[in-house]
Amino acid sequence: MEKISNYKEAIDYLYSYIPHGLKYKFPGDLGLRRTKYLLILLGEPQNKLRVIHVAGTSGKGSTCHLIYNILQSQGFKVGFHVSPHLNDLRERFQINNTLIPIEEFCQYLNEVIPFVEKMKDTEFGLPTYFEMIVAFAYYVFYKKRVEYVVMETGLGGLYDATNVVDREDKIAVITRIGHDHTEILGKTLDKIAFQKAGIIYSRNTVITIQQSPKVLKVIQTEANKKQAKFYIIRPKNISHTTLIPQPQFDFHFFDYTLSGIKLGLLGSFQIENASLALGVILLLSRKDNFTVDVDRLKHSLRTSLFPGRMQIVKSKGQTIVIDGAHNPQKMKMFIQNLKIYFPDQKYTFLIAFKRGKDYKPMLKYILPEAKKIIITSFFNESQGLRILAEDPLVIAKILEKLHFKNYIIIPDTFSALEELYKDTSPIKVITGSLYLIGEVYSKLRHSGKE
């Protein structure tokens, strides 16, 4: 094929590998083996990198983001793979908070394409979009000579395409485990935990937070099998916590005490995520023999902003809270924190859920706090497969059954946003899916209301 020369051609090429049809299924072990084969053709760049690999149900995006920012604050060149991206595909292989230039993006893609084409006639066949993006991210990070890579898993862990690093010095981070993607990962916490703990390789360092005993037992068992060092961030490691006006706490780990840590990210759950990130940094400082600059570390946490996570946006004199909560565990925590920051009132919600998500329990957390609900929709085909929102009419029927009448249906996201702006509630909330949040940001940007 002809060489790719611009961003549109690059995106069109990558999008051509998005699986077609609504019945697309998670490829499991085949997808992982296919990704490994592509990386072998590329010279196994993933095993030439120092990787922090993060899996979990809730908090993995924020934990990755905090680790990424802290490492940068210590003077390191750091690559970050995030999934899903919100605005630009290049977010998936960003370096030090910068998207690689389009010219380099095209150049590296042209280098990778011949190896992708070679797979056509193998037992594996061509990779999927997500598998190619993951392999490409590792390739870019190697070519750019980053010093650390923070890799967020896509789905699960054991068979996720990111799970291809078998270096013994990998840090395997496991955030809070809950029920999500149960049709693929299993319906019980121990089965889900087993999938997440699949990122642990021989002699890795494993770190997680205090959580369900059955979850910790599974992670401990897998760590023992792999002769991995295992650490748990427990409540005793965190003290003097406050949430208003922003989260603040002290952190104790090994012989370190970090006092007066302030977070730019809001919510009690971010204290947990930040503690896990701090544990990772302190483990790395011991393992890789660098001294932590505490002032720079604190500044990085205090100034961190991660779009779509308990984000308060001021727009046209209005207050809008945006959070991509997309499972019951996340929604419960989000609503609890919403009430802490904006107490004694009801809110107008703009919601949409990815089709197939367990959103009925999420609605039960939303309804007691809702003055009004605007139900919208989204369609996304830039994340590795075509993603549909649940039909707003189906959600409306559930609201009726739950005896909630004050809702309207506006399928178009832009029109739904306009309706939200017209509403008189002092606090508006947009939640239910990161895919919805991505569309909201896109609409706000193009309407000049960002």
Protein backbone atom coordinates (compact mmCIF):
# COMPACT_ATOMS: atom_id res chain seq x y z
CA MET A 1 0.00 0.00 0.00
CA GLU A 2 1.03 3.64 -0.48
CA LYS A 3 2.68 5.43 2.42
CA ILE A 4 0.44 7.30 4.83
CA SER A 5 1.10 11.02 4.60
CA ASN A 6 -1.43 12.74 6.89
CA TYR A 7 -3.52 12.29 10.02
CA LYS A 8 -6.74 11.45 8.18
CA GLU A 9 -5.09 8.70 6.19
CA ALA A 10 -3.56 7.29 9.39
CA ILE A 11 -6.89 7.29 11.22
CA ASP A 12 -8.73 5.81 8.23
CA TYR A 13 -6.15 3.02 8.02
CA LEU A 14 -6.42 2.18 11.73
CA TYR A 15 -10.21 2.40 11.71
CA SER A 16 -10.28 -0.15 8.90
CA TYR A 17 -9.23 -2.73 11.50
CA ILE A 18 -12.21 -2.06 13.77
CA PRO A 19 -14.23 -5.31 13.97
CA HIS A 20 -17.54 -5.07 12.16
CA GLY A 21 -20.95 -6.08 13.44
CA LEU A 22 -22.75 -5.72 16.74
CA LYS A 23 -21.83 -9.30 17.67
CA TYR A 24 -18.13 -8.57 18.01
CA LYS A 25 -16.71 -10.75 20.76
CA PHE A 26 -13.70 -10.30 23.00
CA PRO A 27 -10.98 -12.39 21.28
CA GLY A 28 -9.50 -13.72 24.52
CA ASP A 29 -6.33 -15.82 24.27
CA LEU A 30 -6.20 -15.54 20.45
CA GLY A 31 -6.08 -11.75 20.66
CA LEU A 32 -3.27 -11.85 23.21
CA ARG A 33 -1.23 -14.33 21.15
CA ARG A 34 -1.85 -12.25 18.03
CA THR A 35 -0.59 -9.09 19.75
CA LYS A 36 2.50 -10.94 21.00
CA TYR A 37 3.22 -12.19 17.48
CA LEU A 38 2.99 -8.68 16.03
CA LEU A 39 5.35 -7.43 18.73
CA ILE A 40 7.79 -10.26 17.93
CA LEU A 41 7.81 -9.05 14.32
CA LEU A 42 8.53 -5.54 15.64
CA GLY A 43 11.46 -6.74 17.75
CA GLU A 44 9.62 -7.06 21.09
CA PRO A 45 9.85 -3.38 22.04
CA GLN A 46 7.63 -3.97 25.08
CA ASN A 47 10.34 -6.01 26.76
CA LYS A 48 12.90 -3.23 26.31
CA LEU A 49 10.86 -0.85 28.48
CA ARG A 50 10.31 -0.39 32.23
CA VAL A 51 6.57 -0.84 32.57
CA ILE A 52 4.01 -0.07 35.26
CA HIS A 53 0.97 -2.13 34.25
CA VAL A 54 -2.38 -1.19 35.83
CA ALA A 55 -5.54 -3.30 35.94
CA GLY A 56 -8.73 -3.03 38.00
CA THR A 57 -12.43 -2.23 37.84
CA SER A 58 -12.49 1.24 39.38
CA GLY A 59 -9.78 3.87 39.58
CA LYS A 60 -7.26 2.46 37.13
CA GLY A 61 -7.42 5.48 34.80
CA SER A 62 -6.89 7.97 37.63
CA THR A 63 -4.18 5.83 39.25
CA CYS A 64 -2.33 5.61 35.93
CA HIS A 65 -2.66 9.34 35.43
CA LEU A 66 -1.24 10.11 38.89
CA ILE A 67 1.69 7.70 38.51
CA TYR A 68 2.39 9.25 35.10
CA ASN A 69 2.37 12.81 36.46
CA ILE A 70 4.49 12.03 39.52
CA LEU A 71 7.16 10.28 37.44
CA GLN A 72 7.31 13.30 35.14
CA SER A 73 7.70 15.57 38.16
CA GLN A 74 10.81 13.58 39.10
CA GLY A 75 12.42 14.41 35.76
CA PHE A 76 11.68 11.19 33.87
CA LYS A 77 10.52 10.81 30.27
CA VAL A 78 7.28 8.83 30.61
CA GLY A 79 4.93 7.20 28.13
CA PHE A 80 1.23 6.70 28.94
CA HIS A 81 -1.26 4.40 27.24
CA VAL A 82 -4.84 5.30 28.19
CA SER A 83 -8.03 3.49 27.17
CA PRO A 84 -10.43 4.82 26.02
CA HIS A 85 -9.18 8.15 24.70
CA LEU A 86 -11.50 11.15 24.89
CA ASN A 87 -10.60 13.46 22.02
CA ASP A 88 -7.58 12.30 20.04
CA LEU A 89 -6.31 8.82 19.27
CA ARG A 90 -2.75 9.97 20.07
CA GLU A 91 -3.74 10.17 23.75
CA ARG A 92 -3.12 6.40 23.72
CA PHE A 93 0.63 6.89 23.25
CA GLN A 94 1.30 10.27 24.82
CA ILE A 95 4.68 11.21 26.29
CA ASN A 96 5.07 13.72 29.14
CA ASN A 97 1.56 15.09 28.60
CA THR A 98 2.28 15.76 24.93
CA LEU A 99 0.80 14.12 21.86
CA ILE A 100 3.45 13.03 19.39
CA PRO A 101 3.51 15.25 16.28
CA ILE A 102 1.35 14.08 13.38
CA GLU A 103 4.44 13.72 11.17
CA GLU A 104 5.99 11.27 13.64
CA PHE A 105 2.67 9.48 14.08
CA CYS A 106 2.53 8.85 10.33
CA GLN A 107 6.22 7.94 10.15
CA TYR A 108 5.99 5.30 12.89
CA LEU A 109 2.77 3.91 11.47
CA ASN A 110 4.44 3.51 8.06
CA GLU A 111 7.22 1.56 9.80
CA VAL A 112 4.71 -0.77 11.50
CA ILE A 113 2.34 -1.40 8.57
CA PRO A 114 4.60 -3.84 6.65
CA PHE A 115 4.73 -6.10 9.72
CA VAL A 116 0.95 -5.91 10.11
CA GLU A 117 0.58 -6.91 6.46
CA LYS A 118 2.86 -9.91 7.05
CA MET A 119 0.32 -11.28 9.53
CA LYS A 120 -2.35 -11.67 6.87
CA ASP A 121 -1.19 -15.15 5.85
CA THR A 122 -0.28 -16.43 9.32
CA GLU A 123 -2.35 -18.63 11.65
CA PHE A 124 -3.29 -15.49 13.60
CA GLY A 125 -4.62 -13.37 10.76
CA LEU A 126 -4.66 -9.58 10.88
CA PRO A 127 -4.78 -7.87 14.29
CA THR A 128 -7.79 -5.92 15.51
CA TYR A 129 -7.67 -2.16 15.92
CA PHE A 130 -7.07 -2.38 19.68
CA GLU A 131 -4.32 -5.00 19.31
CA MET A 132 -2.61 -2.86 16.69
CA ILE A 133 -2.89 0.31 18.80
CA VAL A 134 -1.34 -1.44 21.81
CA ALA A 135 1.55 -2.84 19.78
CA PHE A 136 1.99 0.57 18.15
CA ALA A 137 2.09 2.28 21.58
CA TYR A 138 4.88 -0.01 22.78
CA TYR A 139 6.72 0.58 19.49
CA VAL A 140 6.41 4.38 19.79
CA PHE A 141 7.54 4.36 23.42
CA TYR A 142 10.60 2.31 22.50
CA LYS A 143 11.47 4.51 19.52
CA LYS A 144 11.11 7.66 21.66
CA ARG A 145 13.36 6.12 24.35
CA VAL A 146 11.04 6.75 27.27
CA GLU A 147 12.33 5.81 30.72
CA TYR A 148 9.04 4.48 32.11
CA VAL A 149 5.76 3.38 30.55
CA VAL A 150 2.41 3.49 32.37
CA MET A 151 0.07 1.03 30.64
CA GLU A 152 -3.64 0.98 31.42
CA THR A 153 -5.33 -2.30 30.55
CA GLY A 154 -8.32 -2.23 28.23
CA LEU A 155 -10.49 -5.08 29.52
CA GLY A 156 -9.63 -7.53 32.28
CA GLY A 157 -5.94 -8.31 32.37
CA LEU A 158 -5.11 -11.94 31.67
CA TYR A 159 -6.08 -11.82 27.97
CA ASP A 160 -5.86 -8.06 27.47
CA ALA A 161 -3.68 -7.01 24.54
CA THR A 162 -1.53 -4.87 26.88
CA ASN A 163 -0.51 -8.00 28.83
CA VAL A 164 2.61 -8.79 26.81
CA VAL A 165 5.45 -7.62 29.08
CA ASP A 166 7.27 -10.50 30.78
CA ARG A 167 10.21 -8.59 32.27
CA GLU A 168 10.76 -9.45 35.91
CA ASP A 169 11.03 -5.79 36.89
CA LYS A 170 7.47 -4.95 35.83
CA ILE A 171 5.24 -3.32 38.46
CA ALA A 172 1.75 -4.86 38.41
CA VAL A 173 -0.82 -2.51 39.97
CA ILE A 174 -4.35 -3.70 40.77
CA THR A 175 -6.96 -1.12 41.73
CA ARG A 176 -10.34 -1.79 43.35
CA ILE A 177 -12.18 -4.82 41.93
CA GLY A 178 -15.93 -4.79 41.35
CA HIS A 179 -18.58 -6.15 39.00
CA ASP A 180 -18.12 -5.01 35.41
CA HIS A 181 -17.85 -6.82 32.05
CA THR A 182 -19.21 -9.86 33.88
CA GLU A 183 -20.20 -11.58 30.63
CA ILE A 184 -16.47 -11.82 29.81
CA LEU A 185 -14.65 -11.75 33.15
CA GLY A 186 -17.08 -13.77 35.27
CA LYS A 187 -19.96 -12.99 37.57
CA THR A 188 -18.16 -13.34 40.92
CA LEU A 189 -15.49 -11.12 42.48
CA ASP A 190 -12.97 -13.95 42.73
CA LYS A 191 -13.34 -14.80 39.02
CA ILE A 192 -12.97 -11.13 38.06
CA ALA A 193 -9.97 -10.78 40.39
CA PHE A 194 -8.34 -13.81 38.73
CA GLN A 195 -8.62 -12.12 35.34
CA LYS A 196 -7.19 -8.85 36.67
CA ALA A 197 -4.35 -10.67 38.47
CA GLY A 198 -3.43 -12.20 35.11
CA ILE A 199 -1.10 -9.23 34.56
CA ILE A 200 1.28 -10.66 37.19
CA TYR A 201 4.36 -12.29 35.64
CA SER A 202 7.30 -14.10 37.20
CA ARG A 203 9.06 -12.11 39.95
CA ASN A 204 7.07 -8.94 39.33
CA THR A 205 6.31 -6.46 42.09
CA VAL A 206 2.56 -6.39 42.82
CA ILE A 207 0.71 -3.65 44.68
CA THR A 208 -2.98 -3.21 45.43
CA ILE A 209 -5.25 -1.58 48.01
CA GLN A 210 -7.14 -3.05 50.96
CA GLN A 211 -10.35 -4.55 49.56
CA SER A 212 -12.58 -7.63 49.67
CA PRO A 213 -10.80 -10.57 51.42
CA LYS A 214 -11.74 -12.91 48.55
CA VAL A 215 -10.18 -10.49 46.04
CA LEU A 216 -6.98 -10.15 48.08
CA LYS A 217 -6.77 -13.93 48.45
CA VAL A 218 -6.87 -14.39 44.67
CA ILE A 219 -4.23 -11.71 44.06
CA GLN A 220 -2.01 -13.10 46.83
CA THR A 221 -2.32 -16.61 45.39
CA GLU A 222 -1.31 -15.47 41.91
CA ALA A 223 1.58 -13.42 43.32
CA ASN A 224 2.82 -16.46 45.25
CA LYS A 225 2.62 -18.67 42.15
CA LYS A 226 4.76 -16.20 40.22
CA GLN A 227 7.19 -15.61 43.13
CA ALA A 228 6.20 -11.94 43.00
CA LYS A 229 6.63 -9.43 45.83
CA PHE A 230 3.20 -8.40 47.12
CA TYR A 231 2.25 -5.14 48.85
CA ILE A 232 -1.11 -3.83 50.09
CA ILE A 233 -1.92 -0.19 50.79
CA ARG A 234 -4.01 -0.43 53.96
CA PRO A 235 -6.06 2.16 55.90
CA LYS A 236 -3.17 2.51 58.37
CA ASN A 237 -1.05 3.91 55.53
CA ILE A 238 -3.42 6.89 55.20
CA SER A 239 -4.26 9.45 57.89
CA HIS A 240 -5.58 13.00 58.48
CA THR A 241 -7.93 12.91 55.50
CA THR A 242 -10.17 15.82 54.50
CA LEU A 243 -12.20 16.41 51.31
CA ILE A 244 -13.24 20.07 51.34
CA PRO A 245 -12.17 22.18 49.48
CA GLN A 246 -9.93 19.49 47.97
CA PRO A 247 -8.76 16.06 49.12
CA GLN A 248 -5.86 16.16 51.56
CA PHE A 249 -4.12 13.39 53.52
CA ASP A 250 -0.89 12.08 54.99
CA PHE A 251 0.71 8.94 53.56
CA HIS A 252 2.96 6.45 55.37
CA PHE A 253 4.78 3.61 53.57
CA PHE A 254 7.99 1.80 54.54
CA ASP A 255 9.95 4.45 56.43
CA TYR A 256 8.46 7.32 54.41
CA THR A 257 5.92 9.82 55.70
CA LEU A 258 4.50 12.31 53.21
CA SER A 259 2.44 14.93 55.04
CA GLY A 260 -0.17 17.35 53.71
CA ILE A 261 -0.66 15.76 50.29
CA LYS A 262 -3.27 17.80 48.36
CA LEU A 263 -5.02 16.56 45.23
CA GLY A 264 -6.26 18.42 42.21
CA LEU A 265 -8.59 15.50 41.52
CA LEU A 266 -11.76 15.60 43.62
CA GLY A 267 -13.43 12.78 45.52
CA SER A 268 -12.68 10.44 48.41
CA PHE A 269 -11.89 7.70 45.89
CA GLN A 270 -8.98 9.79 44.59
CA ILE A 271 -7.28 9.54 47.98
CA GLU A 272 -7.27 5.77 47.49
CA ASN A 273 -5.99 6.09 43.91
CA ALA A 274 -3.31 8.61 44.92
CA SER A 275 -2.15 6.36 47.77
CA LEU A 276 -1.73 3.48 45.36
CA ALA A 277 0.19 5.76 42.98
CA LEU A 278 2.44 6.96 45.83
CA GLY A 279 3.11 3.35 46.82
CA VAL A 280 4.22 2.63 43.26
CA ILE A 281 6.57 5.64 43.21
CA LEU A 282 8.17 4.73 46.53
CA LEU A 283 8.64 1.12 45.38
CA LEU A 284 10.26 2.35 42.18
CA SER A 285 12.54 4.74 44.06
CA ARG A 286 13.85 1.82 46.13
CA LYS A 287 14.12 -0.57 43.19
CA ASP A 288 15.65 1.88 40.71
CA ASN A 289 17.63 3.88 43.28
CA PHE A 290 16.37 7.41 42.78
CA THR A 291 15.57 10.01 45.44
CA VAL A 292 12.03 11.39 45.44
CA ASP A 293 11.79 15.17 45.23
CA VAL A 294 8.88 15.64 47.63
CA ASP A 295 8.12 19.24 46.67
CA ARG A 296 7.80 18.34 42.99
CA LEU A 297 5.75 15.26 43.86
CA LYS A 298 3.31 17.33 45.91
CA HIS A 299 3.03 19.94 43.17
CA SER A 300 2.23 17.27 40.56
CA LEU A 301 -0.60 15.87 42.70
CA ARG A 302 -1.95 19.29 43.60
CA THR A 303 -2.15 20.36 39.95
CA SER A 304 -3.33 17.08 38.39
CA LEU A 305 -6.38 17.27 36.17
CA PHE A 306 -7.88 14.17 34.57
CA PRO A 307 -10.85 15.03 32.32
CA GLY A 308 -14.10 13.26 33.03
CA ARG A 309 -13.34 12.25 36.62
CA MET A 310 -15.38 14.28 39.16
CA GLN A 311 -14.59 17.34 37.08
CA ILE A 312 -16.33 20.62 37.90
CA VAL A 313 -16.73 22.81 34.81
CA LYS A 314 -17.81 26.45 34.93
CA SER A 315 -19.50 27.36 31.65
CA LYS A 316 -21.69 30.36 30.85
CA GLY A 317 -22.07 31.07 34.57
CA GLN A 318 -23.26 27.54 35.27
CA THR A 319 -21.75 24.69 37.28
CA ILE A 320 -21.56 21.32 35.56
CA VAL A 321 -20.11 18.22 37.22
CA ILE A 322 -18.77 15.68 34.74
CA ASP A 323 -17.91 12.10 35.69
CA GLY A 324 -17.58 9.03 33.48
CA ALA A 325 -18.93 6.60 36.12
CA HIS A 326 -19.96 3.52 34.12
CA ASN A 327 -20.56 0.74 36.62
CA PRO A 328 -22.51 0.52 39.90
CA GLN A 329 -19.40 0.71 42.10
CA LYS A 330 -18.21 3.90 40.40
CA MET A 331 -21.66 5.47 40.36
CA LYS A 332 -22.19 4.82 44.06
CA MET A 333 -18.90 6.56 44.92
CA PHE A 334 -19.57 9.43 42.52
CA ILE A 335 -23.03 10.17 43.95
CA GLN A 336 -21.72 9.97 47.52
CA ASN A 337 -19.04 12.53 46.69
CA LEU A 338 -21.41 14.72 44.67
CA LYS A 339 -23.50 15.10 47.83
CA ILE A 340 -20.39 16.00 49.84
CA TYR A 341 -19.29 18.79 47.49
CA PHE A 342 -22.81 20.06 46.73
CA PRO A 343 -24.99 19.13 49.72
CA ASP A 344 -28.69 19.65 50.43
CA GLN A 345 -29.97 19.89 46.88
CA LYS A 346 -31.26 17.97 43.89
CA TYR A 347 -29.47 17.91 40.54
CA THR A 348 -30.41 17.79 36.87
CA PHE A 349 -28.71 14.84 35.20
CA LEU A 350 -27.74 14.30 31.58
CA ILE A 351 -27.17 10.54 31.18
CA ALA A 352 -26.41 7.82 28.66
CA PHE A 353 -25.11 4.30 29.16
CA LYS A 354 -23.18 1.95 26.92
CA ARG A 355 -25.43 -0.82 25.63
CA GLY A 356 -24.88 -4.00 27.64
CA LYS A 357 -23.83 -2.24 30.85
CA ASP A 358 -25.55 -3.05 34.13
CA TYR A 359 -27.11 0.41 34.43
CA LYS A 360 -30.24 -0.38 36.47
CA PRO A 361 -28.30 -0.27 39.78
CA MET A 362 -26.67 2.95 38.59
CA LEU A 363 -30.11 4.51 38.09
CA LYS A 364 -31.04 3.56 41.64
CA TYR A 365 -28.12 5.65 42.92
CA ILE A 366 -29.05 8.56 40.65
CA LEU A 367 -32.82 8.77 41.18
CA PRO A 368 -32.93 9.82 44.86
CA GLU A 369 -30.74 12.83 43.99
CA ALA A 370 -32.36 13.76 40.67
CA LYS A 371 -34.62 16.74 40.15
CA LYS A 372 -34.78 16.02 36.42
CA ILE A 373 -33.12 13.59 34.00
CA ILE A 374 -32.26 14.21 30.34
CA ILE A 375 -31.68 10.90 28.56
CA THR A 376 -29.43 11.08 25.52
CA SER A 377 -27.45 8.72 23.31
CA PHE A 378 -24.10 8.32 21.59
CA PHE A 379 -22.46 6.33 18.82
CA ASN A 380 -18.72 5.83 18.89
CA GLU A 381 -16.57 4.03 16.37
CA SER A 382 -13.13 5.32 17.30
CA GLN A 383 -12.31 3.05 20.26
CA GLY A 384 -11.69 -0.33 18.69
CA LEU A 385 -15.24 -1.40 17.95
CA ARG A 386 -18.53 0.24 17.20
CA ILE A 387 -20.03 1.29 20.51
CA LEU A 388 -23.73 1.99 20.89
CA ALA A 389 -25.58 3.65 23.74
CA GLU A 390 -28.59 1.99 25.29
CA ASP A 391 -31.84 3.04 23.61
CA PRO A 392 -33.16 6.06 25.56
CA LEU A 393 -36.69 4.63 25.29
CA VAL A 394 -35.57 1.51 27.17
CA ILE A 395 -34.06 3.66 29.93
CA ALA A 396 -37.27 5.71 30.06
CA LYS A 397 -39.33 2.57 30.62
CA ILE A 398 -37.14 1.65 33.57
CA LEU A 399 -37.56 5.15 35.02
CA GLU A 400 -41.33 4.76 34.71
CA LYS A 401 -41.18 1.44 36.56
CA LEU A 402 -39.14 3.14 39.28
CA HIS A 403 -41.86 5.84 39.47
CA PHE A 404 -39.63 8.66 38.21
CA LYS A 405 -41.61 10.90 35.85
CA ASN A 406 -39.55 14.08 35.39
CA TYR A 407 -37.43 13.03 32.41
CA ILE A 408 -37.11 13.94 28.76
CA ILE A 409 -35.52 12.09 25.86
CA ILE A 410 -33.16 13.96 23.52
CA PRO A 411 -31.10 11.40 21.54
CA ASP A 412 -28.78 13.98 19.94
CA THR A 413 -25.98 14.89 22.36
CA PHE A 414 -25.64 18.47 21.17
CA SER A 415 -29.38 19.15 21.55
CA ALA A 416 -29.34 17.45 24.95
CA LEU A 417 -26.50 19.75 26.05
CA GLU A 418 -28.45 22.79 24.89
CA GLU A 419 -31.40 21.62 26.98
CA LEU A 420 -29.11 21.13 29.98
CA TYR A 421 -27.92 24.74 29.66
CA LYS A 422 -31.52 25.96 29.69
CA ASP A 423 -32.30 24.13 32.93
CA THR A 424 -32.57 26.26 36.07
CA SER A 425 -30.97 23.81 38.53
CA PRO A 426 -27.86 25.33 40.14
CA ILE A 427 -25.87 22.10 39.67
CA LYS A 428 -25.98 20.01 36.49
CA VAL A 429 -24.45 16.55 36.21
CA ILE A 430 -23.27 14.61 33.15
CA THR A 431 -22.52 10.93 33.81
CA GLY A 432 -23.02 7.30 32.81
CA SER A 433 -20.23 6.60 30.32
CA LEU A 434 -16.80 7.86 29.30
CA TYR A 435 -18.02 7.57 25.71
CA LEU A 436 -20.76 10.09 26.54
CA ILE A 437 -18.13 12.34 28.16
CA GLY A 438 -15.98 12.14 25.02
CA GLU A 439 -18.92 13.27 22.89
CA VAL A 440 -19.77 16.04 25.36
CA TYR A 441 -16.22 17.43 25.19
CA SER A 442 -16.33 17.27 21.42
CA LYS A 443 -19.67 19.15 21.31
CA LEU A 444 -18.51 21.78 23.80
CA ARG A 445 -15.31 22.34 21.87
CA HIS A 446 -17.08 22.79 18.55
CA SER A 447 -19.74 25.06 20.05
CA GLY A 448 -17.15 27.31 21.68
CA LYS A 449 -18.35 26.50 25.22
CA GLU A 450 -15.33 24.48 26.36
